[in-house]
N, C-alpha and C. Protein backbone atom coordinates (compact mmCIF):
# COMPACT_ATOMS: atom_id res chain seq x y z
N MET A 1 0.84 -1.18 0.00
CA MET A 1 0.00 0.00 0.00
C MET A 1 0.89 1.24 0.00
N ARG A 2 0.53 2.17 -0.84
CA ARG A 2 1.30 3.41 -0.95
C ARG A 2 0.98 4.35 0.21
N GLY A 3 2.03 4.94 0.76
CA GLY A 3 1.83 5.90 1.85
C GLY A 3 1.41 7.26 1.31
N ASP A 4 0.85 8.05 2.19
CA ASP A 4 0.41 9.40 1.82
C ASP A 4 1.60 10.36 1.77
N ASP A 5 1.49 11.33 0.89
CA ASP A 5 2.50 12.37 0.78
C ASP A 5 2.06 13.57 1.62
N ASN A 6 2.06 13.38 2.92
CA ASN A 6 1.65 14.45 3.83
C ASN A 6 2.77 15.47 3.96
N GLN A 7 2.42 16.73 3.77
CA GLN A 7 3.41 17.80 3.87
C GLN A 7 3.00 18.75 4.97
N GLN A 8 3.98 19.24 5.67
CA GLN A 8 3.74 20.08 6.81
C GLN A 8 4.32 21.46 6.53
N GLU A 9 3.58 22.51 6.86
CA GLU A 9 4.05 23.86 6.67
C GLU A 9 5.12 24.23 7.70
N GLY A 10 4.81 24.11 8.95
CA GLY A 10 5.75 24.49 10.00
C GLY A 10 6.04 23.31 10.91
N ILE A 11 7.22 23.33 11.51
CA ILE A 11 7.59 22.24 12.39
C ILE A 11 8.58 22.76 13.44
N PHE A 12 8.48 22.20 14.61
CA PHE A 12 9.44 22.49 15.66
C PHE A 12 10.34 21.28 15.80
N SER A 13 11.61 21.54 15.99
CA SER A 13 12.55 20.44 16.18
C SER A 13 13.25 20.62 17.51
N TYR A 14 13.26 19.58 18.29
CA TYR A 14 13.91 19.64 19.59
C TYR A 14 15.20 18.83 19.61
N ILE A 15 15.70 18.51 18.45
CA ILE A 15 16.97 17.79 18.33
C ILE A 15 18.04 18.82 18.01
N SER A 16 19.11 18.79 18.77
CA SER A 16 20.18 19.78 18.57
C SER A 16 20.95 19.47 17.28
N PRO A 17 21.56 20.50 16.70
CA PRO A 17 22.38 20.28 15.50
C PRO A 17 23.50 19.27 15.78
N GLU A 18 24.01 19.29 17.00
CA GLU A 18 25.07 18.36 17.40
C GLU A 18 24.64 16.91 17.20
N LYS A 19 23.38 16.61 17.49
CA LYS A 19 22.86 15.25 17.36
C LYS A 19 22.53 14.89 15.91
N ARG A 20 22.34 15.88 15.08
CA ARG A 20 22.00 15.63 13.68
C ARG A 20 23.22 15.25 12.84
N VAL A 21 24.39 15.69 13.25
CA VAL A 21 25.62 15.39 12.51
C VAL A 21 26.11 14.01 12.93
N PRO A 22 26.28 13.09 12.00
CA PRO A 22 26.72 11.74 12.35
C PRO A 22 28.03 11.75 13.15
N VAL A 23 28.13 10.85 14.09
CA VAL A 23 29.29 10.76 14.97
C VAL A 23 30.58 10.56 14.19
N ASP A 24 30.51 9.83 13.09
CA ASP A 24 31.72 9.53 12.32
C ASP A 24 31.95 10.48 11.14
N HIS A 25 31.23 11.60 11.10
CA HIS A 25 31.41 12.55 9.99
C HIS A 25 32.79 13.18 10.08
N PRO A 26 33.52 13.27 8.97
CA PRO A 26 34.88 13.81 8.98
C PRO A 26 34.98 15.25 9.52
N LEU A 27 33.92 16.03 9.36
CA LEU A 27 33.98 17.40 9.84
C LEU A 27 34.02 17.49 11.37
N ARG A 28 33.59 16.43 12.05
CA ARG A 28 33.63 16.45 13.52
C ARG A 28 35.06 16.59 14.03
N ALA A 29 35.97 15.80 13.49
CA ALA A 29 37.37 15.87 13.91
C ALA A 29 37.98 17.21 13.52
N ILE A 30 37.64 17.68 12.34
CA ILE A 30 38.16 18.96 11.88
C ILE A 30 37.64 20.08 12.76
N ARG A 31 36.35 20.04 13.09
CA ARG A 31 35.76 21.09 13.94
C ARG A 31 36.44 21.10 15.31
N LYS A 32 36.70 19.94 15.86
CA LYS A 32 37.36 19.86 17.17
C LYS A 32 38.75 20.50 17.09
N MET A 33 39.50 20.15 16.07
CA MET A 33 40.85 20.69 15.89
C MET A 33 40.79 22.21 15.69
N VAL A 34 39.87 22.66 14.84
CA VAL A 34 39.74 24.09 14.54
C VAL A 34 39.33 24.86 15.80
N ASP A 35 38.40 24.31 16.57
CA ASP A 35 37.97 24.98 17.80
C ASP A 35 39.11 25.13 18.80
N GLU A 36 39.98 24.14 18.88
CA GLU A 36 41.15 24.22 19.77
C GLU A 36 42.07 25.35 19.32
N ILE A 37 42.30 25.44 18.02
CA ILE A 37 43.16 26.49 17.47
C ILE A 37 42.54 27.86 17.73
N LEU A 38 41.24 27.98 17.47
CA LEU A 38 40.56 29.26 17.66
C LEU A 38 40.56 29.69 19.13
N LYS A 39 40.44 28.73 20.02
CA LYS A 39 40.48 29.04 21.45
C LYS A 39 41.85 29.60 21.84
N GLU A 40 42.90 28.99 21.31
CA GLU A 40 44.27 29.48 21.56
C GLU A 40 44.46 30.89 21.02
N MET A 41 43.80 31.19 19.92
CA MET A 41 43.97 32.48 19.25
C MET A 41 43.02 33.56 19.77
N SER A 42 42.09 33.20 20.61
CA SER A 42 41.07 34.14 21.08
C SER A 42 41.64 35.45 21.64
N PRO A 43 42.67 35.42 22.48
CA PRO A 43 43.22 36.70 22.97
C PRO A 43 43.73 37.60 21.85
N LYS A 44 44.27 36.99 20.79
CA LYS A 44 44.74 37.79 19.65
C LYS A 44 43.56 38.40 18.89
N PHE A 45 42.47 37.65 18.77
CA PHE A 45 41.27 38.20 18.13
C PHE A 45 40.76 39.40 18.92
N GLN A 46 40.76 39.27 20.24
CA GLN A 46 40.24 40.33 21.10
C GLN A 46 40.96 41.64 20.86
N LYS A 47 42.26 41.57 20.60
CA LYS A 47 43.05 42.78 20.37
C LYS A 47 42.70 43.48 19.05
N LEU A 48 42.13 42.75 18.11
CA LEU A 48 41.80 43.32 16.80
C LEU A 48 40.52 44.14 16.81
N TYR A 49 39.67 43.94 17.80
CA TYR A 49 38.34 44.55 17.80
C TYR A 49 38.18 45.54 18.93
N SER A 50 37.42 46.58 18.65
CA SER A 50 37.12 47.62 19.63
C SER A 50 36.08 47.12 20.64
N ASP A 51 36.06 47.74 21.79
CA ASP A 51 35.06 47.40 22.80
C ASP A 51 33.75 48.15 22.58
N VAL A 52 33.76 49.14 21.71
CA VAL A 52 32.56 49.92 21.42
C VAL A 52 32.21 49.78 19.95
N GLY A 53 30.98 50.14 19.62
CA GLY A 53 30.54 50.07 18.23
C GLY A 53 29.66 48.88 17.97
N ARG A 54 29.32 48.72 16.71
CA ARG A 54 28.45 47.61 16.31
C ARG A 54 29.23 46.32 16.25
N PRO A 55 28.67 45.23 16.79
CA PRO A 55 29.40 43.96 16.76
C PRO A 55 29.57 43.45 15.32
N SER A 56 30.71 42.89 15.07
CA SER A 56 30.97 42.31 13.75
C SER A 56 30.63 40.83 13.79
N ILE A 57 30.80 40.17 12.66
CA ILE A 57 30.69 38.71 12.62
C ILE A 57 31.90 38.18 13.38
N ALA A 58 31.68 37.24 14.27
CA ALA A 58 32.78 36.69 15.07
C ALA A 58 33.87 36.14 14.14
N PRO A 59 35.13 36.47 14.41
CA PRO A 59 36.20 35.97 13.54
C PRO A 59 36.25 34.45 13.51
N GLU A 60 35.87 33.80 14.61
CA GLU A 60 35.86 32.35 14.65
C GLU A 60 34.88 31.79 13.62
N ARG A 61 33.72 32.44 13.51
CA ARG A 61 32.72 31.99 12.53
C ARG A 61 33.17 32.27 11.10
N LEU A 62 33.80 33.41 10.90
CA LEU A 62 34.31 33.73 9.56
C LEU A 62 35.33 32.69 9.11
N LEU A 63 36.25 32.35 9.99
CA LEU A 63 37.30 31.40 9.61
C LEU A 63 36.75 30.00 9.41
N ARG A 64 35.79 29.58 10.25
CA ARG A 64 35.18 28.27 10.03
C ARG A 64 34.42 28.25 8.70
N SER A 65 33.73 29.33 8.38
CA SER A 65 32.98 29.37 7.12
C SER A 65 33.94 29.35 5.93
N LEU A 66 35.08 30.00 6.05
CA LEU A 66 36.07 29.95 4.96
C LEU A 66 36.60 28.54 4.75
N LEU A 67 36.78 27.81 5.84
CA LEU A 67 37.19 26.41 5.69
C LEU A 67 36.14 25.61 4.93
N LEU A 68 34.87 25.83 5.25
CA LEU A 68 33.79 25.13 4.51
C LEU A 68 33.83 25.49 3.04
N GLN A 69 34.07 26.76 2.76
CA GLN A 69 34.12 27.20 1.36
C GLN A 69 35.24 26.48 0.63
N ILE A 70 36.35 26.27 1.31
CA ILE A 70 37.49 25.56 0.71
C ILE A 70 37.18 24.06 0.58
N PHE A 71 36.74 23.44 1.66
CA PHE A 71 36.50 21.99 1.66
C PHE A 71 35.45 21.57 0.65
N TYR A 72 34.39 22.36 0.51
CA TYR A 72 33.29 21.99 -0.37
C TYR A 72 33.29 22.74 -1.70
N SER A 73 34.37 23.43 -2.00
CA SER A 73 34.53 24.15 -3.27
C SER A 73 33.33 25.04 -3.59
N VAL A 74 32.90 25.78 -2.60
CA VAL A 74 31.80 26.72 -2.81
C VAL A 74 32.36 27.90 -3.59
N ARG A 75 31.78 28.16 -4.77
CA ARG A 75 32.36 29.10 -5.73
C ARG A 75 32.37 30.55 -5.29
N SER A 76 31.39 30.96 -4.51
CA SER A 76 31.29 32.37 -4.18
C SER A 76 30.75 32.55 -2.76
N GLU A 77 30.92 33.75 -2.28
CA GLU A 77 30.40 34.06 -0.94
C GLU A 77 28.87 34.05 -0.94
N ARG A 78 28.28 34.48 -2.03
CA ARG A 78 26.81 34.43 -2.10
C ARG A 78 26.31 32.99 -1.98
N MET A 79 27.00 32.07 -2.64
CA MET A 79 26.60 30.66 -2.55
C MET A 79 26.86 30.11 -1.16
N LEU A 80 27.94 30.55 -0.52
CA LEU A 80 28.21 30.12 0.85
C LEU A 80 27.11 30.60 1.79
N ILE A 81 26.71 31.85 1.65
CA ILE A 81 25.63 32.41 2.47
C ILE A 81 24.33 31.64 2.21
N GLU A 82 24.07 31.30 0.95
CA GLU A 82 22.89 30.51 0.61
C GLU A 82 22.94 29.15 1.30
N GLN A 83 24.10 28.49 1.27
CA GLN A 83 24.25 27.20 1.94
C GLN A 83 24.00 27.33 3.44
N LEU A 84 24.46 28.42 4.01
CA LEU A 84 24.26 28.63 5.45
C LEU A 84 22.78 28.84 5.79
N GLN A 85 21.98 29.23 4.79
CA GLN A 85 20.54 29.40 5.02
C GLN A 85 19.87 28.07 5.34
N TYR A 86 20.28 27.00 4.63
CA TYR A 86 19.51 25.75 4.76
C TYR A 86 20.34 24.49 5.01
N ASN A 87 21.64 24.57 4.95
CA ASN A 87 22.47 23.38 5.13
C ASN A 87 22.81 23.22 6.61
N LEU A 88 22.20 22.22 7.24
CA LEU A 88 22.39 22.01 8.68
C LEU A 88 23.84 21.72 9.04
N LEU A 89 24.53 20.97 8.20
CA LEU A 89 25.93 20.65 8.45
C LEU A 89 26.76 21.92 8.46
N PHE A 90 26.55 22.81 7.50
CA PHE A 90 27.29 24.07 7.44
C PHE A 90 27.00 24.92 8.67
N ARG A 91 25.72 25.02 9.03
CA ARG A 91 25.35 25.83 10.20
C ARG A 91 26.01 25.27 11.46
N TRP A 92 26.01 23.96 11.60
CA TRP A 92 26.63 23.33 12.77
C TRP A 92 28.12 23.64 12.80
N PHE A 93 28.81 23.46 11.67
CA PHE A 93 30.26 23.65 11.63
C PHE A 93 30.64 25.09 11.97
N VAL A 94 29.88 26.05 11.43
CA VAL A 94 30.17 27.46 11.67
C VAL A 94 29.85 27.85 13.11
N GLY A 95 28.87 27.16 13.71
CA GLY A 95 28.48 27.46 15.09
C GLY A 95 27.22 28.28 15.19
N MET A 96 26.36 28.17 14.18
CA MET A 96 25.11 28.95 14.15
C MET A 96 23.96 28.11 14.69
N GLU A 97 23.05 28.80 15.37
CA GLU A 97 21.81 28.16 15.80
C GLU A 97 20.95 27.91 14.57
N MET A 98 20.04 26.97 14.67
CA MET A 98 19.21 26.62 13.52
C MET A 98 18.26 27.74 13.11
N ASP A 99 17.84 28.57 14.06
CA ASP A 99 16.91 29.65 13.73
C ASP A 99 17.60 31.01 13.69
N GLU A 100 18.90 31.03 13.75
CA GLU A 100 19.67 32.27 13.70
C GLU A 100 19.70 32.82 12.28
N ALA A 101 19.57 34.13 12.17
CA ALA A 101 19.61 34.77 10.86
C ALA A 101 21.02 34.67 10.27
N VAL A 102 21.08 34.44 8.98
CA VAL A 102 22.37 34.36 8.28
C VAL A 102 22.76 35.77 7.86
N TRP A 103 24.05 36.01 7.79
CA TRP A 103 24.55 37.33 7.46
C TRP A 103 24.24 37.71 6.02
N ASN A 104 24.16 38.99 5.78
CA ASN A 104 24.06 39.53 4.43
C ASN A 104 25.41 39.31 3.75
N HIS A 105 25.40 38.94 2.48
CA HIS A 105 26.66 38.62 1.79
C HIS A 105 27.62 39.81 1.74
N ALA A 106 27.10 41.03 1.64
CA ALA A 106 27.97 42.21 1.60
C ALA A 106 28.65 42.43 2.96
N VAL A 107 27.89 42.24 4.03
CA VAL A 107 28.45 42.37 5.38
C VAL A 107 29.50 41.28 5.59
N TYR A 108 29.18 40.07 5.15
CA TYR A 108 30.12 38.96 5.26
C TYR A 108 31.42 39.29 4.52
N SER A 109 31.30 39.77 3.29
CA SER A 109 32.48 40.08 2.47
C SER A 109 33.35 41.14 3.13
N LYS A 110 32.72 42.16 3.65
CA LYS A 110 33.48 43.24 4.29
C LYS A 110 34.21 42.73 5.54
N ASN A 111 33.53 41.95 6.37
CA ASN A 111 34.14 41.39 7.57
C ASN A 111 35.27 40.42 7.21
N ARG A 112 35.03 39.60 6.20
CA ARG A 112 36.04 38.63 5.77
C ARG A 112 37.29 39.35 5.26
N GLU A 113 37.08 40.35 4.43
CA GLU A 113 38.20 41.09 3.86
C GLU A 113 39.02 41.76 4.97
N ARG A 114 38.34 42.35 5.93
CA ARG A 114 39.03 42.99 7.04
C ARG A 114 39.87 41.97 7.83
N LEU A 115 39.30 40.80 8.07
CA LEU A 115 40.01 39.77 8.82
C LEU A 115 41.18 39.20 8.03
N LEU A 116 40.98 38.97 6.74
CA LEU A 116 42.04 38.38 5.92
C LEU A 116 43.21 39.35 5.70
N ASN A 117 42.98 40.63 5.92
CA ASN A 117 44.08 41.60 5.81
C ASN A 117 44.97 41.58 7.04
N GLU A 118 44.57 40.87 8.06
CA GLU A 118 45.37 40.76 9.28
C GLU A 118 46.25 39.51 9.21
N GLU A 119 47.40 39.58 9.84
CA GLU A 119 48.34 38.47 9.88
C GLU A 119 47.75 37.26 10.62
N ILE A 120 46.79 37.52 11.48
CA ILE A 120 46.21 36.45 12.30
C ILE A 120 45.49 35.40 11.44
N ALA A 121 44.91 35.81 10.33
CA ALA A 121 44.22 34.86 9.45
C ALA A 121 45.23 33.89 8.83
N GLU A 122 46.35 34.42 8.38
CA GLU A 122 47.39 33.56 7.83
C GLU A 122 47.89 32.59 8.90
N SER A 123 48.05 33.09 10.11
CA SER A 123 48.49 32.26 11.23
C SER A 123 47.50 31.13 11.49
N PHE A 124 46.21 31.43 11.42
CA PHE A 124 45.17 30.41 11.62
C PHE A 124 45.30 29.29 10.59
N PHE A 125 45.38 29.64 9.31
CA PHE A 125 45.45 28.63 8.26
C PHE A 125 46.75 27.82 8.36
N ARG A 126 47.83 28.46 8.73
CA ARG A 126 49.08 27.72 8.91
C ARG A 126 48.96 26.72 10.07
N ARG A 127 48.31 27.12 11.15
CA ARG A 127 48.13 26.21 12.29
C ARG A 127 47.25 25.03 11.91
N VAL A 128 46.19 25.30 11.16
CA VAL A 128 45.31 24.20 10.71
C VAL A 128 46.12 23.22 9.86
N LEU A 129 46.90 23.74 8.94
CA LEU A 129 47.70 22.87 8.08
C LEU A 129 48.73 22.09 8.87
N GLU A 130 49.38 22.72 9.82
CA GLU A 130 50.39 22.03 10.62
C GLU A 130 49.78 20.90 11.45
N ARG A 131 48.62 21.15 12.03
CA ARG A 131 47.97 20.10 12.85
C ARG A 131 47.40 18.99 11.99
N ALA A 132 47.05 19.31 10.76
CA ALA A 132 46.47 18.31 9.86
C ALA A 132 47.56 17.53 9.12
N LYS A 133 48.78 18.02 9.16
CA LYS A 133 49.89 17.42 8.41
C LYS A 133 50.01 15.90 8.58
N PRO A 134 49.91 15.35 9.80
CA PRO A 134 50.05 13.90 9.95
C PRO A 134 48.97 13.08 9.23
N TYR A 135 47.86 13.71 8.91
CA TYR A 135 46.74 13.00 8.29
C TYR A 135 46.69 13.18 6.79
N ILE A 136 47.62 13.94 6.24
CA ILE A 136 47.60 14.27 4.82
C ILE A 136 48.78 13.58 4.15
N SER A 137 48.50 12.86 3.05
CA SER A 137 49.56 12.10 2.39
C SER A 137 50.47 13.01 1.57
N ASP A 138 49.94 14.01 0.91
CA ASP A 138 50.74 14.91 0.09
C ASP A 138 50.54 16.33 0.60
N PHE A 139 51.37 16.72 1.57
CA PHE A 139 51.21 18.00 2.23
C PHE A 139 51.34 19.17 1.26
N GLY A 140 52.27 19.06 0.31
CA GLY A 140 52.45 20.13 -0.67
C GLY A 140 51.19 20.37 -1.48
N GLN A 141 50.51 19.30 -1.83
CA GLN A 141 49.29 19.42 -2.61
C GLN A 141 48.19 20.11 -1.80
N ILE A 142 48.04 19.72 -0.54
CA ILE A 142 47.00 20.33 0.28
C ILE A 142 47.35 21.78 0.59
N TYR A 143 48.64 22.07 0.72
CA TYR A 143 49.06 23.45 0.96
C TYR A 143 48.64 24.34 -0.19
N SER A 144 48.84 23.88 -1.42
CA SER A 144 48.41 24.67 -2.57
C SER A 144 46.89 24.63 -2.71
N PHE A 145 46.25 23.55 -2.23
CA PHE A 145 44.80 23.49 -2.26
C PHE A 145 44.21 24.61 -1.43
N PHE A 146 44.81 24.89 -0.27
CA PHE A 146 44.35 26.00 0.56
C PHE A 146 44.60 27.32 -0.13
N GLY A 147 45.52 27.32 -1.10
CA GLY A 147 45.77 28.55 -1.85
C GLY A 147 46.53 29.59 -1.06
N ILE A 148 47.31 29.18 -0.11
CA ILE A 148 48.04 30.14 0.70
C ILE A 148 49.35 30.48 0.01
N ARG A 149 49.52 31.75 -0.24
CA ARG A 149 50.76 32.22 -0.81
C ARG A 149 51.53 32.94 0.29
N ALA A 150 52.81 32.79 0.29
CA ALA A 150 53.64 33.41 1.32
C ALA A 150 53.71 34.91 1.06
N ASN A 151 52.73 35.61 1.54
CA ASN A 151 52.69 37.06 1.41
C ASN A 151 52.18 37.59 2.74
N ARG A 152 53.05 38.13 3.55
CA ARG A 152 52.68 38.55 4.89
C ARG A 152 51.71 39.73 4.87
N ALA A 153 51.71 40.49 3.81
CA ALA A 153 50.82 41.65 3.77
C ALA A 153 49.36 41.24 3.65
N LYS A 154 49.13 40.14 2.95
CA LYS A 154 47.73 39.74 2.72
C LYS A 154 47.66 38.24 2.46
N LEU A 155 46.64 37.62 3.02
CA LEU A 155 46.40 36.20 2.77
C LEU A 155 45.50 36.10 1.55
N HIS A 156 45.94 35.35 0.57
CA HIS A 156 45.15 35.19 -0.65
C HIS A 156 44.55 33.80 -0.67
N LEU A 157 43.24 33.72 -0.78
CA LEU A 157 42.58 32.44 -0.96
C LEU A 157 42.14 32.35 -2.40
N ILE A 158 42.54 31.28 -3.05
CA ILE A 158 42.19 31.08 -4.45
C ILE A 158 40.78 30.53 -4.53
């Protein structure tokens, strides 16, 4: 017997994003490693931002979202923002609540550009690569995959 195609307009979910991501998903290990690095770097982030004014997008979220853009070959920031609208895995990795509003792409771009102009962003990506080195068979290939060029003035992501 064929089941009904019942569709629901609205729904409440009481399952956390943490429980929705499979225990063995590769991003879990990466998220743990990245969170450790970001925690170590938190005092440096604090020095970059003023105590007054409008809050920016947290640098931790910006850097996690950039990793997703790299890992999943998301072509543009607009597409990344679109993915963050409905992709539960992306929202979980970045650290967003399920009902949290996603940033405007222009605001995201401006915050990202400001952060990438700082030496701290290059330091973050280098730390991620160094900690991931034992798990990567061809480190040179992954290094170029990240698109990091040795330019202290600016971090370039391809």
